[in-house]
PDB file of N, CA and C in Angstrom:
ATOM      1  N   UNK A   1     -23.075   4.015  -2.771  1.00  0.00           N
ATOM      2  CA  UNK A   1     -23.922   5.176  -2.807  1.00  0.00           C
ATOM      3  C   UNK A   1     -23.054   6.438  -2.741  1.00  0.00           C
ATOM      4  N   UNK A   2     -23.405   7.415  -3.532  1.00  0.00           N
ATOM      5  CA  UNK A   2     -22.664   8.685  -3.524  1.00  0.00           C
ATOM      6  C   UNK A   2     -23.091   9.511  -2.313  1.00  0.00           C
ATOM      7  N   UNK A   3     -22.113   9.920  -1.536  1.00  0.00           N
ATOM      8  CA  UNK A   3     -22.341  10.739  -0.345  1.00  0.00           C
ATOM      9  C   UNK A   3     -22.283  12.222  -0.696  1.00  0.00           C
ATOM     10  N   UNK A   4     -21.372  12.581  -1.606  1.00  0.00           N
ATOM     11  CA  UNK A   4     -21.248  13.978  -1.983  1.00  0.00           C
ATOM     12  C   UNK A   4     -20.310  14.170  -3.151  1.00  0.00           C
ATOM     13  N   UNK A   5     -20.518  15.261  -3.871  1.00  0.00           N
ATOM     14  CA  UNK A   5     -19.616  15.654  -4.950  1.00  0.00           C
ATOM     15  C   UNK A   5     -19.216  17.108  -4.713  1.00  0.00           C
ATOM     16  N   UNK A   6     -18.047  17.464  -5.211  1.00  0.00           N
ATOM     17  CA  UNK A   6     -17.585  18.832  -5.075  1.00  0.00           C
ATOM     18  C   UNK A   6     -16.684  19.192  -6.235  1.00  0.00           C
ATOM     19  N   UNK A   7     -16.717  20.453  -6.603  1.00  0.00           N
ATOM     20  CA  UNK A   7     -15.892  20.945  -7.699  1.00  0.00           C
ATOM     21  C   UNK A   7     -15.372  22.312  -7.298  1.00  0.00           C
ATOM     22  N   UNK A   8     -14.137  22.629  -7.688  1.00  0.00           N
ATOM     23  CA  UNK A   8     -13.590  23.953  -7.412  1.00  0.00           C
ATOM     24  C   UNK A   8     -12.635  24.340  -8.527  1.00  0.00           C
ATOM     25  N   UNK A   9     -12.608  25.618  -8.832  1.00  0.00           N
ATOM     26  CA  UNK A   9     -11.686  26.166  -9.823  1.00  0.00           C
ATOM     27  C   UNK A   9     -11.046  27.408  -9.221  1.00  0.00           C
ATOM     28  N   UNK A  10      -9.770  27.592  -9.505  1.00  0.00           N
ATOM     29  CA  UNK A  10      -9.060  28.764  -8.978  1.00  0.00           C
ATOM     30  C   UNK A  10      -8.089  29.299 -10.027  1.00  0.00           C
ATOM     31  N   UNK A  11      -7.902  30.598 -10.012  1.00  0.00           N
ATOM     32  CA  UNK A  11      -6.922  31.223 -10.893  1.00  0.00           C
ATOM     33  C   UNK A  11      -5.526  30.967 -10.333  1.00  0.00           C
ATOM     34  N   UNK A  12      -4.648  30.464 -11.158  1.00  0.00           N
ATOM     35  CA  UNK A  12      -3.285  30.162 -10.720  1.00  0.00           C
ATOM     36  C   UNK A  12      -2.570  31.438 -10.278  1.00  0.00           C
ATOM     37  N   UNK A  13      -2.833  32.555 -10.949  1.00  0.00           N
ATOM     38  CA  UNK A  13      -2.222  33.836 -10.561  1.00  0.00           C
ATOM     39  C   UNK A  13      -2.573  34.229  -9.131  1.00  0.00           C
ATOM     40  N   UNK A  14      -3.779  33.895  -8.704  1.00  0.00           N
ATOM     41  CA  UNK A  14      -4.204  34.217  -7.334  1.00  0.00           C
ATOM     42  C   UNK A  14      -3.337  33.477  -6.312  1.00  0.00           C
ATOM     43  N   UNK A  15      -3.074  32.210  -6.573  1.00  0.00           N
ATOM     44  CA  UNK A  15      -2.210  31.423  -5.686  1.00  0.00           C
ATOM     45  C   UNK A  15      -0.787  31.963  -5.735  1.00  0.00           C
ATOM     46  N   UNK A  16      -0.321  32.320  -6.919  1.00  0.00           N
ATOM     47  CA  UNK A  16       1.034  32.860  -7.052  1.00  0.00           C
ATOM     48  C   UNK A  16       1.201  34.141  -6.230  1.00  0.00           C
ATOM     49  N   UNK A  17       0.217  35.030  -6.309  1.00  0.00           N
ATOM     50  CA  UNK A  17       0.286  36.274  -5.523  1.00  0.00           C
ATOM     51  C   UNK A  17       0.279  35.985  -4.026  1.00  0.00           C
ATOM     52  N   UNK A  18      -0.555  35.042  -3.611  1.00  0.00           N
ATOM     53  CA  UNK A  18      -0.640  34.700  -2.183  1.00  0.00           C
ATOM     54  C   UNK A  18       0.671  34.097  -1.684  1.00  0.00           C
ATOM     55  N   UNK A  19       1.286  33.234  -2.493  1.00  0.00           N
ATOM     56  CA  UNK A  19       2.565  32.631  -2.094  1.00  0.00           C
ATOM     57  C   UNK A  19       3.654  33.697  -2.010  1.00  0.00           C
ATOM     58  N   UNK A  20       3.677  34.618  -2.972  1.00  0.00           N
ATOM     59  CA  UNK A  20       4.669  35.694  -2.931  1.00  0.00           C
ATOM     60  C   UNK A  20       4.475  36.575  -1.703  1.00  0.00           C
ATOM     61  N   UNK A  21       3.232  36.789  -1.325  1.00  0.00           N
ATOM     62  CA  UNK A  21       2.944  37.675  -0.195  1.00  0.00           C
ATOM     63  C   UNK A  21       3.185  37.007   1.155  1.00  0.00           C
ATOM     64  N   UNK A  22       2.747  35.742   1.297  1.00  0.00           N
ATOM     65  CA  UNK A  22       2.778  35.085   2.602  1.00  0.00           C
ATOM     66  C   UNK A  22       3.779  33.934   2.715  1.00  0.00           C
ATOM     67  N   UNK A  23       4.316  33.475   1.599  1.00  0.00           N
ATOM     68  CA  UNK A  23       5.384  32.479   1.581  1.00  0.00           C
ATOM     69  C   UNK A  23       5.092  31.185   2.317  1.00  0.00           C
ATOM     70  N   UNK A  24       6.100  30.726   3.049  1.00  0.00           N
ATOM     71  CA  UNK A  24       6.022  29.443   3.749  1.00  0.00           C
ATOM     72  C   UNK A  24       4.919  29.419   4.803  1.00  0.00           C
ATOM     73  N   UNK A  25       4.608  30.563   5.369  1.00  0.00           N
ATOM     74  CA  UNK A  25       3.527  30.606   6.364  1.00  0.00           C
ATOM     75  C   UNK A  25       2.213  30.139   5.740  1.00  0.00           C
ATOM     76  N   UNK A  26       1.908  30.615   4.562  1.00  0.00           N
ATOM     77  CA  UNK A  26       0.686  30.209   3.856  1.00  0.00           C
ATOM     78  C   UNK A  26       0.745  28.734   3.488  1.00  0.00           C
ATOM     79  N   UNK A  27       1.856  28.317   2.910  1.00  0.00           N
ATOM     80  CA  UNK A  27       1.979  26.925   2.469  1.00  0.00           C
ATOM     81  C   UNK A  27       1.850  25.952   3.635  1.00  0.00           C
ATOM     82  N   UNK A  28       2.440  26.276   4.780  1.00  0.00           N
ATOM     83  CA  UNK A  28       2.348  25.370   5.926  1.00  0.00           C
ATOM     84  C   UNK A  28       0.945  25.388   6.544  1.00  0.00           C
ATOM     85  N   UNK A  29       0.207  26.453   6.362  1.00  0.00           N
ATOM     86  CA  UNK A  29      -1.173  26.520   6.856  1.00  0.00           C
ATOM     87  C   UNK A  29      -2.103  25.661   5.993  1.00  0.00           C
ATOM     88  N   UNK A  30      -1.856  25.653   4.677  1.00  0.00           N
ATOM     89  CA  UNK A  30      -2.750  24.953   3.745  1.00  0.00           C
ATOM     90  C   UNK A  30      -2.367  23.498   3.497  1.00  0.00           C
ATOM     91  N   UNK A  31      -1.067  23.201   3.570  1.00  0.00           N
ATOM     92  CA  UNK A  31      -0.580  21.888   3.132  1.00  0.00           C
ATOM     93  C   UNK A  31       0.276  21.234   4.215  1.00  0.00           C
ATOM     94  N   UNK A  32       0.193  19.906   4.275  1.00  0.00           N
ATOM     95  CA  UNK A  32       1.019  19.155   5.225  1.00  0.00           C
ATOM     96  C   UNK A  32       2.468  19.140   4.743  1.00  0.00           C
ATOM     97  N   UNK A  33       3.337  18.700   5.609  1.00  0.00           N
ATOM     98  CA  UNK A  33       4.758  18.611   5.249  1.00  0.00           C
ATOM     99  C   UNK A  33       4.966  17.688   4.052  1.00  0.00           C
ATOM    100  N   UNK A  34       4.278  16.548   4.048  1.00  0.00           N
ATOM    101  CA  UNK A  34       4.422  15.617   2.910  1.00  0.00           C
ATOM    102  C   UNK A  34       3.927  16.245   1.617  1.00  0.00           C
ATOM    103  N   UNK A  35       2.843  17.016   1.674  1.00  0.00           N
ATOM    104  CA  UNK A  35       2.342  17.684   0.473  1.00  0.00           C
ATOM    105  C   UNK A  35       3.336  18.721  -0.041  1.00  0.00           C
ATOM    106  N   UNK A  36       3.983  19.421   0.880  1.00  0.00           N
ATOM    107  CA  UNK A  36       4.927  20.473   0.475  1.00  0.00           C
ATOM    108  C   UNK A  36       6.208  19.901  -0.123  1.00  0.00           C
ATOM    109  N   UNK A  37       6.511  18.638   0.149  1.00  0.00           N
ATOM    110  CA  UNK A  37       7.717  18.027  -0.417  1.00  0.00           C
ATOM    111  C   UNK A  37       7.537  17.611  -1.877  1.00  0.00           C
ATOM    112  N   UNK A  38       6.318  17.333  -2.294  1.00  0.00           N
ATOM    113  CA  UNK A  38       6.059  16.841  -3.657  1.00  0.00           C
ATOM    114  C   UNK A  38       6.514  17.829  -4.733  1.00  0.00           C
ATOM    115  N   UNK A  39       6.142  19.122  -4.670  1.00  0.00           N
ATOM    116  CA  UNK A  39       6.483  20.009  -5.781  1.00  0.00           C
ATOM    117  C   UNK A  39       7.939  20.455  -5.831  1.00  0.00           C
ATOM    118  N   UNK A  40       8.760  20.055  -4.896  1.00  0.00           N
ATOM    119  CA  UNK A  40      10.154  20.483  -4.912  1.00  0.00           C
ATOM    120  C   UNK A  40      10.868  20.049  -6.182  1.00  0.00           C
ATOM    121  N   UNK A  41      10.395  18.967  -6.802  1.00  0.00           N
ATOM    122  CA  UNK A  41      11.030  18.428  -8.004  1.00  0.00           C
ATOM    123  C   UNK A  41      10.375  18.952  -9.284  1.00  0.00           C
ATOM    124  N   UNK A  42       9.428  19.874  -9.164  1.00  0.00           N
ATOM    125  CA  UNK A  42       8.638  20.319 -10.314  1.00  0.00           C
ATOM    126  C   UNK A  42       9.013  21.747 -10.706  1.00  0.00           C
ATOM    127  N   UNK A  43       8.861  22.038 -11.992  1.00  0.00           N
ATOM    128  CA  UNK A  43       9.072  23.402 -12.471  1.00  0.00           C
ATOM    129  C   UNK A  43       7.818  24.251 -12.293  1.00  0.00           C
ATOM    130  N   UNK A  44       6.668  23.625 -12.227  1.00  0.00           N
ATOM    131  CA  UNK A  44       5.388  24.334 -12.157  1.00  0.00           C
ATOM    132  C   UNK A  44       4.798  24.281 -10.749  1.00  0.00           C
ATOM    133  N   UNK A  45       5.554  24.703  -9.777  1.00  0.00           N
ATOM    134  CA  UNK A  45       5.125  24.607  -8.377  1.00  0.00           C
ATOM    135  C   UNK A  45       3.826  25.368  -8.116  1.00  0.00           C
ATOM    136  N   UNK A  46       3.672  26.546  -8.704  1.00  0.00           N
ATOM    137  CA  UNK A  46       2.482  27.353  -8.433  1.00  0.00           C
ATOM    138  C   UNK A  46       1.228  26.660  -8.938  1.00  0.00           C
ATOM    139  N   UNK A  47       1.249  26.119 -10.152  1.00  0.00           N
ATOM    140  CA  UNK A  47       0.063  25.434 -10.660  1.00  0.00           C
ATOM    141  C   UNK A  47      -0.194  24.155  -9.862  1.00  0.00           C
ATOM    142  N   UNK A  48       0.871  23.518  -9.391  1.00  0.00           N
ATOM    143  CA  UNK A  48       0.717  22.342  -8.553  1.00  0.00           C
ATOM    144  C   UNK A  48      -0.037  22.702  -7.270  1.00  0.00           C
ATOM    145  N   UNK A  49       0.410  23.758  -6.583  1.00  0.00           N
ATOM    146  CA  UNK A  49      -0.256  24.184  -5.356  1.00  0.00           C
ATOM    147  C   UNK A  49      -1.692  24.644  -5.635  1.00  0.00           C
ATOM    148  N   UNK A  50      -1.911  25.316  -6.743  1.00  0.00           N
ATOM    149  CA  UNK A  50      -3.269  25.753  -7.096  1.00  0.00           C
ATOM    150  C   UNK A  50      -4.183  24.543  -7.268  1.00  0.00           C
ATOM    151  N   UNK A  51      -3.682  23.506  -7.925  1.00  0.00           N
ATOM    152  CA  UNK A  51      -4.473  22.288  -8.096  1.00  0.00           C
ATOM    153  C   UNK A  51      -4.791  21.621  -6.774  1.00  0.00           C
ATOM    154  N   UNK A  52      -3.823  21.567  -5.892  1.00  0.00           N
ATOM    155  CA  UNK A  52      -4.038  20.960  -4.574  1.00  0.00           C
ATOM    156  C   UNK A  52      -5.002  21.801  -3.738  1.00  0.00           C
ATOM    157  N   UNK A  53      -4.905  23.118  -3.849  1.00  0.00           N
ATOM    158  CA  UNK A  53      -5.847  23.997  -3.149  1.00  0.00           C
ATOM    159  C   UNK A  53      -7.269  23.739  -3.652  1.00  0.00           C
ATOM    160  N   UNK A  54      -7.440  23.704  -4.963  1.00  0.00           N
ATOM    161  CA  UNK A  54      -8.760  23.430  -5.544  1.00  0.00           C
ATOM    162  C   UNK A  54      -9.266  22.057  -5.108  1.00  0.00           C
ATOM    163  N   UNK A  55      -8.370  21.076  -5.011  1.00  0.00           N
ATOM    164  CA  UNK A  55      -8.766  19.728  -4.587  1.00  0.00           C
ATOM    165  C   UNK A  55      -9.301  19.738  -3.161  1.00  0.00           C
ATOM    166  N   UNK A  56      -8.632  20.443  -2.274  1.00  0.00           N
ATOM    167  CA  UNK A  56      -9.091  20.493  -0.886  1.00  0.00           C
ATOM    168  C   UNK A  56     -10.437  21.213  -0.781  1.00  0.00           C
ATOM    169  N   UNK A  57     -10.605  22.268  -1.563  1.00  0.00           N
ATOM    170  CA  UNK A  57     -11.896  22.961  -1.587  1.00  0.00           C
ATOM    171  C   UNK A  57     -12.984  22.041  -2.133  1.00  0.00           C
ATOM    172  N   UNK A  58     -12.694  21.302  -3.189  1.00  0.00           N
ATOM    173  CA  UNK A  58     -13.675  20.374  -3.769  1.00  0.00           C
ATOM    174  C   UNK A  58     -14.047  19.276  -2.776  1.00  0.00           C
ATOM    175  N   UNK A  59     -13.072  18.760  -2.052  1.00  0.00           N
ATOM    176  CA  UNK A  59     -13.342  17.730  -1.043  1.00  0.00           C
ATOM    177  C   UNK A  59     -14.215  18.282   0.076  1.00  0.00           C
ATOM    178  N   UNK A  60     -13.926  19.500   0.522  1.00  0.00           N
ATOM    179  CA  UNK A  60     -14.737  20.120   1.577  1.00  0.00           C
ATOM    180  C   UNK A  60     -16.169  20.344   1.089  1.00  0.00           C
ATOM    181  N   UNK A  61     -16.336  20.711  -0.157  1.00  0.00           N
ATOM    182  CA  UNK A  61     -17.673  20.886  -0.721  1.00  0.00           C
ATOM    183  C   UNK A  61     -18.393  19.541  -0.811  1.00  0.00           C
ATOM    184  N   UNK A  62     -17.665  18.488  -1.168  1.00  0.00           N
ATOM    185  CA  UNK A  62     -18.275  17.157  -1.223  1.00  0.00           C
ATOM    186  C   UNK A  62     -18.758  16.720   0.153  1.00  0.00           C
ATOM    187  N   UNK A  63     -18.040  17.126   1.189  1.00  0.00           N
ATOM    188  CA  UNK A  63     -18.463  16.834   2.562  1.00  0.00           C
ATOM    189  C   UNK A  63     -19.648  17.700   2.986  1.00  0.00           C
ATOM    190  N   UNK A  64     -19.835  18.811   2.285  1.00  0.00           N
ATOM    191  CA  UNK A  64     -20.927  19.720   2.609  1.00  0.00           C
ATOM    192  C   UNK A  64     -20.612  20.670   3.747  1.00  0.00           C
ATOM    193  N   UNK A  65     -19.332  20.831   4.065  1.00  0.00           N
ATOM    194  CA  UNK A  65     -18.957  21.647   5.219  1.00  0.00           C
ATOM    195  C   UNK A  65     -18.159  22.890   4.871  1.00  0.00           C
ATOM    196  N   UNK A  66     -17.386  22.835   3.809  1.00  0.00           N
ATOM    197  CA  UNK A  66     -16.387  23.867   3.597  1.00  0.00           C
ATOM    198  C   UNK A  66     -15.274  23.685   4.619  1.00  0.00           C
ATOM    199  N   UNK A  67     -14.243  24.489   4.497  1.00  0.00           N
ATOM    200  CA  UNK A  67     -13.139  24.453   5.457  1.00  0.00           C
ATOM    201  C   UNK A  67     -13.520  25.361   6.618  1.00  0.00           C
ATOM    202  N   UNK A  68     -13.388  24.867   7.815  1.00  0.00           N
ATOM    203  CA  UNK A  68     -13.756  25.710   8.950  1.00  0.00           C
ATOM    204  C   UNK A  68     -13.901  24.925  10.226  1.00  0.00           C
ATOM    205  N   UNK A  69     -15.092  24.971  10.801  1.00  0.00           N
ATOM    206  CA  UNK A  69     -15.290  24.418  12.140  1.00  0.00           C
ATOM    207  C   UNK A  69     -15.240  22.894  12.186  1.00  0.00           C
ATOM    208  N   UNK A  70     -15.651  22.200  11.107  1.00  0.00           N
ATOM    209  CA  UNK A  70     -15.697  20.733  11.162  1.00  0.00           C
ATOM    210  C   UNK A  70     -14.476  20.062  10.565  1.00  0.00           C
ATOM    211  N   UNK A  71     -13.857  20.677   9.574  1.00  0.00           N
ATOM    212  CA  UNK A  71     -12.626  20.118   8.996  1.00  0.00           C
ATOM    213  C   UNK A  71     -11.624  21.234   8.728  1.00  0.00           C
ATOM    214  N   UNK A  72     -10.354  20.851   8.752  1.00  0.00           N
ATOM    215  CA  UNK A  72      -9.289  21.830   8.513  1.00  0.00           C
ATOM    216  C   UNK A  72      -8.504  21.431   7.257  1.00  0.00           C
ATOM    217  N   UNK A  73      -7.632  22.317   6.845  1.00  0.00           N
ATOM    218  CA  UNK A  73      -6.782  22.062   5.679  1.00  0.00           C
ATOM    219  C   UNK A  73      -5.951  20.801   5.861  1.00  0.00           C
ATOM    220  N   UNK A  74      -5.572  20.490   7.092  1.00  0.00           N
ATOM    221  CA  UNK A  74      -4.697  19.342   7.347  1.00  0.00           C
ATOM    222  C   UNK A  74      -5.455  18.053   7.627  1.00  0.00           C
ATOM    223  N   UNK A  75      -6.790  18.093   7.639  1.00  0.00           N
ATOM    224  CA  UNK A  75      -7.579  16.869   7.805  1.00  0.00           C
ATOM    225  C   UNK A  75      -7.591  16.026   6.531  1.00  0.00           C
ATOM    226  N   UNK A  76      -7.160  16.623   5.432  1.00  0.00           N
ATOM    227  CA  UNK A  76      -7.068  15.910   4.171  1.00  0.00           C
ATOM    228  C   UNK A  76      -5.706  16.186   3.556  1.00  0.00           C
ATOM    229  N   UNK A  77      -5.076  15.147   3.075  1.00  0.00           N
ATOM    230  CA  UNK A  77      -3.737  15.262   2.502  1.00  0.00           C
ATOM    231  C   UNK A  77      -3.805  14.714   1.080  1.00  0.00           C
ATOM    232  N   UNK A  78      -3.399  15.537   0.113  1.00  0.00           N
ATOM    233  CA  UNK A  78      -3.442  15.128  -1.283  1.00  0.00           C
ATOM    234  C   UNK A  78      -2.039  14.684  -1.679  1.00  0.00           C
ATOM    235  N   UNK A  79      -1.874  13.386  -1.835  1.00  0.00           N
ATOM    236  CA  UNK A  79      -0.592  12.820  -2.251  1.00  0.00           C
ATOM    237  C   UNK A  79      -0.763  12.264  -3.658  1.00  0.00           C
ATOM    238  N   UNK A  80       0.125  11.422  -4.092  1.00  0.00           N
ATOM    239  CA  UNK A  80      -0.023  10.817  -5.416  1.00  0.00           C
ATOM    240  C   UNK A  80       0.526   9.409  -5.390  1.00  0.00           C
ATOM    241  N   UNK A  81      -0.056   8.567  -6.257  1.00  0.00           N
ATOM    242  CA  UNK A  81       0.436   7.200  -6.329  1.00  0.00           C
ATOM    243  C   UNK A  81       1.663   7.136  -7.231  1.00  0.00           C
ATOM    244  N   UNK A  82       2.163   5.939  -7.521  1.00  0.00           N
ATOM    245  CA  UNK A  82       3.374   5.767  -8.323  1.00  0.00           C
ATOM    246  C   UNK A  82       3.245   6.320  -9.742  1.00  0.00           C
ATOM    247  N   UNK A  83       2.018   6.405 -10.237  1.00  0.00           N
ATOM    248  CA  UNK A  83       1.781   6.910 -11.596  1.00  0.00           C
ATOM    249  C   UNK A  83       1.464   8.407 -11.609  1.00  0.00           C
ATOM    250  N   UNK A  84       1.405   9.032 -10.437  1.00  0.00           N
ATOM    251  CA  UNK A  84       1.120  10.455 -10.356  1.00  0.00           C
ATOM    252  C   UNK A  84      -0.344  10.786 -10.100  1.00  0.00           C
ATOM    253  N   UNK A  85      -1.194   9.769  -9.993  1.00  0.00           N
ATOM    254  CA  UNK A  85      -2.617   9.991  -9.736  1.00  0.00           C
ATOM    255  C   UNK A  85      -2.802  10.549  -8.329  1.00  0.00           C
ATOM    256  N   UNK A  86      -3.611  11.616  -8.189  1.00  0.00           N
ATOM    257  CA  UNK A  86      -3.828  12.158  -6.849  1.00  0.00           C
ATOM    258  C   UNK A  86      -4.620  11.181  -5.971  1.00  0.00           C
ATOM    259  N   UNK A  87      -4.182  11.049  -4.738  1.00  0.00           N
ATOM    260  CA  UNK A  87      -4.864  10.215  -3.758  1.00  0.00           C
ATOM    261  C   UNK A  87      -5.084  11.052  -2.502  1.00  0.00           C
ATOM    262  N   UNK A  88      -6.110  10.715  -1.759  1.00  0.00           N
ATOM    263  CA  UNK A  88      -6.441  11.470  -0.555  1.00  0.00           C
ATOM    264  C   UNK A  88      -6.185  10.606   0.667  1.00  0.00           C
ATOM    265  N   UNK A  89      -5.444  11.162   1.603  1.00  0.00           N
ATOM    266  CA  UNK A  89      -5.255  10.539   2.902  1.00  0.00           C
ATOM    267  C   UNK A  89      -6.014  11.418   3.891  1.00  0.00           C
ATOM    268  N   UNK A  90      -7.045  10.856   4.497  1.00  0.00           N
ATOM    269  CA  UNK A  90      -7.893  11.591   5.428  1.00  0.00           C
ATOM    270  C   UNK A  90      -7.415  11.431   6.863  1.00  0.00           C
ATOM    271  N   UNK A  91      -7.693  12.430   7.681  1.00  0.00           N
ATOM    272  CA  UNK A  91      -7.635  12.253   9.119  1.00  0.00           C
ATOM    273  C   UNK A  91      -8.534  11.054   9.396  1.00  0.00           C
ATOM    274  N   UNK A  92      -8.096  10.122  10.198  1.00  0.00           N
ATOM    275  CA  UNK A  92      -8.793   8.844  10.347  1.00  0.00           C
ATOM    276  C   UNK A  92     -10.242   8.970  10.801  1.00  0.00           C
ATOM    277  N   UNK A  93     -10.627  10.058  11.416  1.00  0.00           N
ATOM    278  CA  UNK A  93     -11.993  10.209  11.902  1.00  0.00           C
ATOM    279  C   UNK A  93     -12.972  10.693  10.831  1.00  0.00           C
ATOM    280  N   UNK A  94     -12.485  11.363   9.818  1.00  0.00           N
ATOM    281  CA  UNK A  94     -13.358  12.014   8.836  1.00  0.00           C
ATOM    282  C   UNK A  94     -14.244  11.015   8.084  1.00  0.00           C
ATOM    283  N   UNK A  95     -13.701   9.960   7.461  1.00  0.00           N
ATOM    284  CA  UNK A  95     -14.590   9.041   6.738  1.00  0.00           C
ATOM    285  C   UNK A  95     -15.685   8.438   7.613  1.00  0.00           C
ATOM    286  N   UNK A  96     -15.337   8.081   8.832  1.00  0.00           N
ATOM    287  CA  UNK A  96     -16.335   7.511   9.739  1.00  0.00           C
ATOM    288  C   UNK A  96     -17.402   8.549  10.109  1.00  0.00           C
ATOM    289  N   UNK A  97     -16.955   9.741  10.440  1.00  0.00           N
ATOM    290  CA  UNK A  97     -17.880  10.801  10.861  1.00  0.00           C
ATOM    291  C   UNK A  97     -18.864  11.177   9.752  1.00  0.00           C
ATOM    292  N   UNK A  98     -18.384  11.198   8.504  1.00  0.00           N
ATOM    293  CA  UNK A  98     -19.231  11.624   7.389  1.00  0.00           C
ATOM    294  C   UNK A  98     -19.840  10.454   6.620  1.00  0.00           C
ATOM    295  N   UNK A  99     -19.453   9.214   6.947  1.00  0.00           N
ATOM    296  CA  UNK A  99     -20.094   8.039   6.384  1.00  0.00           C
ATOM    297  C   UNK A  99     -19.719   7.686   4.960  1.00  0.00           C
ATOM    298  N   UNK A 100     -18.451   7.783   4.619  1.00  0.00           N
ATOM    299  CA  UNK A 100     -18.007   7.354   3.290  1.00  0.00           C
ATOM    300  C   UNK A 100     -16.789   6.459   3.422  1.00  0.00           C
ATOM    301  N   UNK A 101     -16.538   5.666   2.385  1.00  0.00           N
ATOM    302  CA  UNK A 101     -15.380   4.770   2.431  1.00  0.00           C
ATOM    303  C   UNK A 101     -14.438   4.956   1.254  1.00  0.00           C
ATOM    304  N   UNK A 102     -14.893   5.564   0.171  1.00  0.00           N
ATOM    305  CA  UNK A 102     -14.041   5.767  -1.009  1.00  0.00           C
ATOM    306  C   UNK A 102     -14.052   7.237  -1.405  1.00  0.00           C
ATOM    307  N   UNK A 103     -12.893   7.702  -1.836  1.00  0.00           N
ATOM    308  CA  UNK A 103     -12.745   9.074  -2.318  1.00  0.00           C
ATOM    309  C   UNK A 103     -12.168   9.029  -3.721  1.00  0.00           C
ATOM    310  N   UNK A 104     -12.794   9.752  -4.625  1.00  0.00           N
ATOM    311  CA  UNK A 104     -12.307   9.869  -5.999  1.00  0.00           C
ATOM    312  C   UNK A 104     -11.983  11.336  -6.245  1.00  0.00           C
ATOM    313  N   UNK A 105     -10.831  11.586  -6.859  1.00  0.00           N
ATOM    314  CA  UNK A 105     -10.374  12.959  -7.041  1.00  0.00           C
ATOM    315  C   UNK A 105      -9.700  13.106  -8.389  1.00  0.00           C
ATOM    316  N   UNK A 106     -10.035  14.179  -9.085  1.00  0.00           N
ATOM    317  CA  UNK A 106      -9.383  14.515 -10.343  1.00  0.00           C
ATOM    318  C   UNK A 106      -8.964  15.980 -10.287  1.00  0.00           C
ATOM    319  N   UNK A 107      -7.745  16.252 -10.746  1.00  0.00           N
ATOM    320  CA  UNK A 107      -7.210  17.615 -10.770  1.00  0.00           C
ATOM    321  C   UNK A 107      -6.741  17.909 -12.191  1.00  0.00           C
ATOM    322  N   UNK A 108      -7.046  19.108 -12.679  1.00  0.00           N
ATOM    323  CA  UNK A 108      -6.628  19.497 -14.021  1.00  0.00           C
ATOM    324  C   UNK A 108      -6.156  20.952 -14.006  1.00  0.00           C
ATOM    325  N   UNK A 109      -5.301  21.281 -14.962  1.00  0.00           N
ATOM    326  CA  UNK A 109      -4.747  22.629 -15.055  1.00  0.00           C
ATOM    327  C   UNK A 109      -4.821  23.130 -16.493  1.00  0.00           C
ATOM    328  N   UNK A 110      -4.972  24.433 -16.635  1.00  0.00           N
ATOM    329  CA  UNK A 110      -4.731  25.116 -17.902  1.00  0.00           C
ATOM    330  C   UNK A 110      -3.636  26.133 -17.612  1.00  0.00           C
ATOM    331  N   UNK A 111      -3.341  27.003 -18.550  1.00  0.00           N
ATOM    332  CA  UNK A 111      -2.330  28.033 -18.284  1.00  0.00           C
ATOM    333  C   UNK A 111      -2.755  28.951 -17.147  1.00  0.00           C
ATOM    334  N   UNK A 112      -4.053  29.213 -17.044  1.00  0.00           N
ATOM    335  CA  UNK A 112      -4.516  30.220 -16.097  1.00  0.00           C
ATOM    336  C   UNK A 112      -5.302  29.684 -14.908  1.00  0.00           C
ATOM    337  N   UNK A 113      -5.806  28.461 -14.981  1.00  0.00           N
ATOM    338  CA  UNK A 113      -6.685  27.950 -13.926  1.00  0.00           C
ATOM    339  C   UNK A 113      -6.318  26.527 -13.526  1.00  0.00           C
ATOM    340  N   UNK A 114      -6.685  26.189 -12.296  1.00  0.00           N
ATOM    341  CA  UNK A 114      -6.617  24.813 -11.819  1.00  0.00           C
ATOM    342  C   UNK A 114      -8.024  24.422 -11.375  1.00  0.00           C
ATOM    343  N   UNK A 115      -8.395  23.177 -11.663  1.00  0.00           N
ATOM    344  CA  UNK A 115      -9.733  22.690 -11.370  1.00  0.00           C
ATOM    345  C   UNK A 115      -9.626  21.335 -10.702  1.00  0.00           C
ATOM    346  N   UNK A 116     -10.515  21.092  -9.748  1.00  0.00           N
ATOM    347  CA  UNK A 116     -10.548  19.776  -9.103  1.00  0.00           C
ATOM    348  C   UNK A 116     -11.998  19.331  -8.947  1.00  0.00           C
ATOM    349  N   UNK A 117     -12.190  18.028  -9.053  1.00  0.00           N
ATOM    350  CA  UNK A 117     -13.496  17.419  -8.894  1.00  0.00           C
ATOM    351  C   UNK A 117     -13.349  16.270  -7.918  1.00  0.00           C
ATOM    352  N   UNK A 118     -14.246  16.200  -6.934  1.00  0.00           N
ATOM    353  CA  UNK A 118     -14.175  15.162  -5.899  1.00  0.00           C
ATOM    354  C   UNK A 118     -15.523  14.455  -5.768  1.00  0.00           C
ATOM    355  N   UNK A 119     -15.461  13.165  -5.502  1.00  0.00           N
ATOM    356  CA  UNK A 119     -16.655  12.365  -5.267  1.00  0.00           C
ATOM    357  C   UNK A 119     -16.400  11.474  -4.059  1.00  0.00           C
ATOM    358  N   UNK A 120     -17.369  11.427  -3.165  1.00  0.00           N
ATOM    359  CA  UNK A 120     -17.274  10.571  -1.974  1.00  0.00           C
ATOM    360  C   UNK A 120     -18.332   9.489  -2.091  1.00  0.00           C
ATOM    361  N   UNK A 121     -17.914   8.248  -1.834  1.00  0.00           N
ATOM    362  CA  UNK A 121     -18.824   7.113  -1.961  1.00  0.00           C
ATOM    363  C   UNK A 121     -18.831   6.310  -0.666  1.00  0.00           C
TER     364      UNK A 121
END
């Protein structure tokens, strides 16, 4: 049974400006250490972070909470499998609290935007 769906889109330029302004402080607030290590090998770090930001927003929307009092940026970790597919590692309490067992996530980019779609089952 589907518990929730969420979608988010963000302008990559917006993330780029925020990173230039707030740097590592912003990145460490939004992303776990493991998430921040992934883009070190990439040329498109800004679009990568924009996609991950959109993914976390989409997941929070699927939960029906948004980011705030019930879940934080670090309660969900967007990693990738051996083929590069995004996978979600949740804080162990979240799936039980919200009543889901499977998470599906898709992230896409264009030159100007990053989009993510999440489904909880």
